[in-house]
Each structure stands twice: as structure tokens, then as C-alpha cells.
Amino acid sequence: MKHIQIDRKKIEQWIAEGYDVIQDGKLLKIDGDLQEFLAQFADEAEPKTYLLQELVTWPEEELSKL
């Protein structure tokens, strides 16, 4: 998969397209309870799972590290 630079504008676009999370570099639309989905990965280092609504609040400097 091609590396995409993640920035706030890109995250806002993904949210507008209906995506909820990014997990191991893949955008996912979650059917059902989002918090329940995220809880599955709370105690695990892998897969890397990020809530887009949370990422959009991160500083650009932190986003560039993803």
C-alpha cells in the first residue's frame, strides 16, 4: 500500500466519506457500536487502531508521525 501523509484536511475528508477508524493503514466504516469495536483492541499494541474523530484534534506534528 502506498504511504499517504495524514493531515487534518485528509482526516476531515475521510470522516465526510463515512469512515470511522484507521487500522493498520486501512480506513474502516464500522457498523454497530463504535466503542465496542474499539474496546476489542484496548489492551493490544497491534493492530494500530485510531478513531478519526480523535485524530482530527491532534496537532499536525503528531499526525505526521503516523
C-alpha atoms as a PDB file:
ATOM      1  CA  MET A   1       0.000   0.000   0.000  1.00  0.00           C
ATOM      2  CA  LYS A   2       1.234   3.459  -0.894  1.00  0.00           C
ATOM      3  CA  HIS A   3       2.150   5.654   2.091  1.00  0.00           C
ATOM      4  CA  ILE A   4      -0.247   8.589   2.482  1.00  0.00           C
ATOM      5  CA  GLN A   5       0.677  11.656   4.504  1.00  0.00           C
ATOM      6  CA  ILE A   6      -2.082  12.111   7.052  1.00  0.00           C
ATOM      7  CA  ASP A   7      -3.174  15.653   7.830  1.00  0.00           C
ATOM      8  CA  ARG A   8      -6.274  17.252   9.316  1.00  0.00           C
ATOM      9  CA  LYS A   9      -7.801  18.014   5.892  1.00  0.00           C
ATOM     10  CA  LYS A  10      -7.436  14.377   4.805  1.00  0.00           C
ATOM     11  CA  ILE A  11      -8.999  13.123   8.065  1.00  0.00           C
ATOM     12  CA  GLU A  12     -11.947  15.509   7.677  1.00  0.00           C
ATOM     13  CA  GLN A  13     -12.433  14.179   4.135  1.00  0.00           C
ATOM     14  CA  TRP A  14     -12.444  10.568   5.378  1.00  0.00           C
ATOM     15  CA  ILE A  15     -14.980  11.419   8.107  1.00  0.00           C
ATOM     16  CA  ALA A  16     -17.205  13.104   5.491  1.00  0.00           C
ATOM     17  CA  GLU A  17     -16.972   9.917   3.398  1.00  0.00           C
ATOM     18  CA  GLY A  18     -18.310   7.920   6.359  1.00  0.00           C
ATOM     19  CA  TYR A  19     -15.133   6.316   7.677  1.00  0.00           C
ATOM     20  CA  ASP A  20     -14.773   5.872  11.437  1.00  0.00           C
ATOM     21  CA  VAL A  21     -11.309   4.467  12.131  1.00  0.00           C
ATOM     22  CA  ILE A  22      -7.963   3.822  10.552  1.00  0.00           C
ATOM     23  CA  GLN A  23      -6.473   0.467  11.477  1.00  0.00           C
ATOM     24  CA  ASP A  24      -3.033  -0.598  10.264  1.00  0.00           C
ATOM     25  CA  GLY A  25      -3.267   1.982   7.482  1.00  0.00           C
ATOM     26  CA  LYS A  26      -6.722   0.860   6.294  1.00  0.00           C
ATOM     27  CA  LEU A  27      -9.836   3.018   6.552  1.00  0.00           C
ATOM     28  CA  LEU A  28     -12.840   1.263   8.070  1.00  0.00           C
ATOM     29  CA  LYS A  29     -16.534   2.061   8.322  1.00  0.00           C
ATOM     30  CA  ILE A  30     -17.876   0.489  11.496  1.00  0.00           C
ATOM     31  CA  ASP A  31     -21.386  -0.959  11.593  1.00  0.00           C
ATOM     32  CA  GLY A  32     -22.754  -1.130  15.105  1.00  0.00           C
ATOM     33  CA  ASP A  33     -21.267   0.177  18.319  1.00  0.00           C
ATOM     34  CA  LEU A  34     -18.045   2.060  17.671  1.00  0.00           C
ATOM     35  CA  GLN A  35     -16.900   1.975  21.311  1.00  0.00           C
ATOM     36  CA  GLU A  36     -17.440  -1.787  21.435  1.00  0.00           C
ATOM     37  CA  PHE A  37     -15.344  -2.175  18.287  1.00  0.00           C
ATOM     38  CA  LEU A  38     -12.527  -0.063  19.762  1.00  0.00           C
ATOM     39  CA  ALA A  39     -12.666  -1.929  23.089  1.00  0.00           C
ATOM     40  CA  GLN A  40     -11.532  -5.089  21.293  1.00  0.00           C
ATOM     41  CA  PHE A  41      -8.118  -3.508  20.782  1.00  0.00           C
ATOM     42  CA  ALA A  42      -7.748  -1.502  24.014  1.00  0.00           C
ATOM     43  CA  ASP A  43      -5.177  -3.824  25.601  1.00  0.00           C
ATOM     44  CA  GLU A  44      -3.276  -4.691  22.441  1.00  0.00           C
ATOM     45  CA  ALA A  45      -0.337  -2.978  20.804  1.00  0.00           C
ATOM     46  CA  GLU A  46      -1.396  -4.388  17.419  1.00  0.00           C
ATOM     47  CA  PRO A  47      -3.272  -3.672  15.290  1.00  0.00           C
ATOM     48  CA  LYS A  48      -2.811   0.080  15.484  1.00  0.00           C
ATOM     49  CA  THR A  49      -6.340   1.478  15.630  1.00  0.00           C
ATOM     50  CA  TYR A  50      -7.176   5.181  15.652  1.00  0.00           C
ATOM     51  CA  LEU A  51     -10.560   6.884  15.892  1.00  0.00           C
ATOM     52  CA  LEU A  52     -10.758   9.508  13.136  1.00  0.00           C
ATOM     53  CA  GLN A  53     -12.834  11.869  15.303  1.00  0.00           C
ATOM     54  CA  GLU A  54      -9.960  11.836  17.789  1.00  0.00           C
ATOM     55  CA  LEU A  55      -7.188  12.151  15.218  1.00  0.00           C
ATOM     56  CA  VAL A  56      -8.716  15.306  13.756  1.00  0.00           C
ATOM     57  CA  THR A  57      -7.937  17.040  17.087  1.00  0.00           C
ATOM     58  CA  TRP A  58      -4.258  16.040  17.113  1.00  0.00           C
ATOM     59  CA  PRO A  59      -1.547  18.617  16.278  1.00  0.00           C
ATOM     60  CA  GLU A  60      -0.197  18.358  12.727  1.00  0.00           C
ATOM     61  CA  GLU A  61       3.211  17.447  14.151  1.00  0.00           C
ATOM     62  CA  GLU A  62       1.755  14.306  15.788  1.00  0.00           C
ATOM     63  CA  LEU A  63      -0.207  13.374  12.671  1.00  0.00           C
ATOM     64  CA  SER A  64       2.965  13.469  10.606  1.00  0.00           C
ATOM     65  CA  LYS A  65       4.390  10.694  12.816  1.00  0.00           C
ATOM     66  CA  LEU A  66       1.633   8.229  11.898  1.00  0.00           C
END
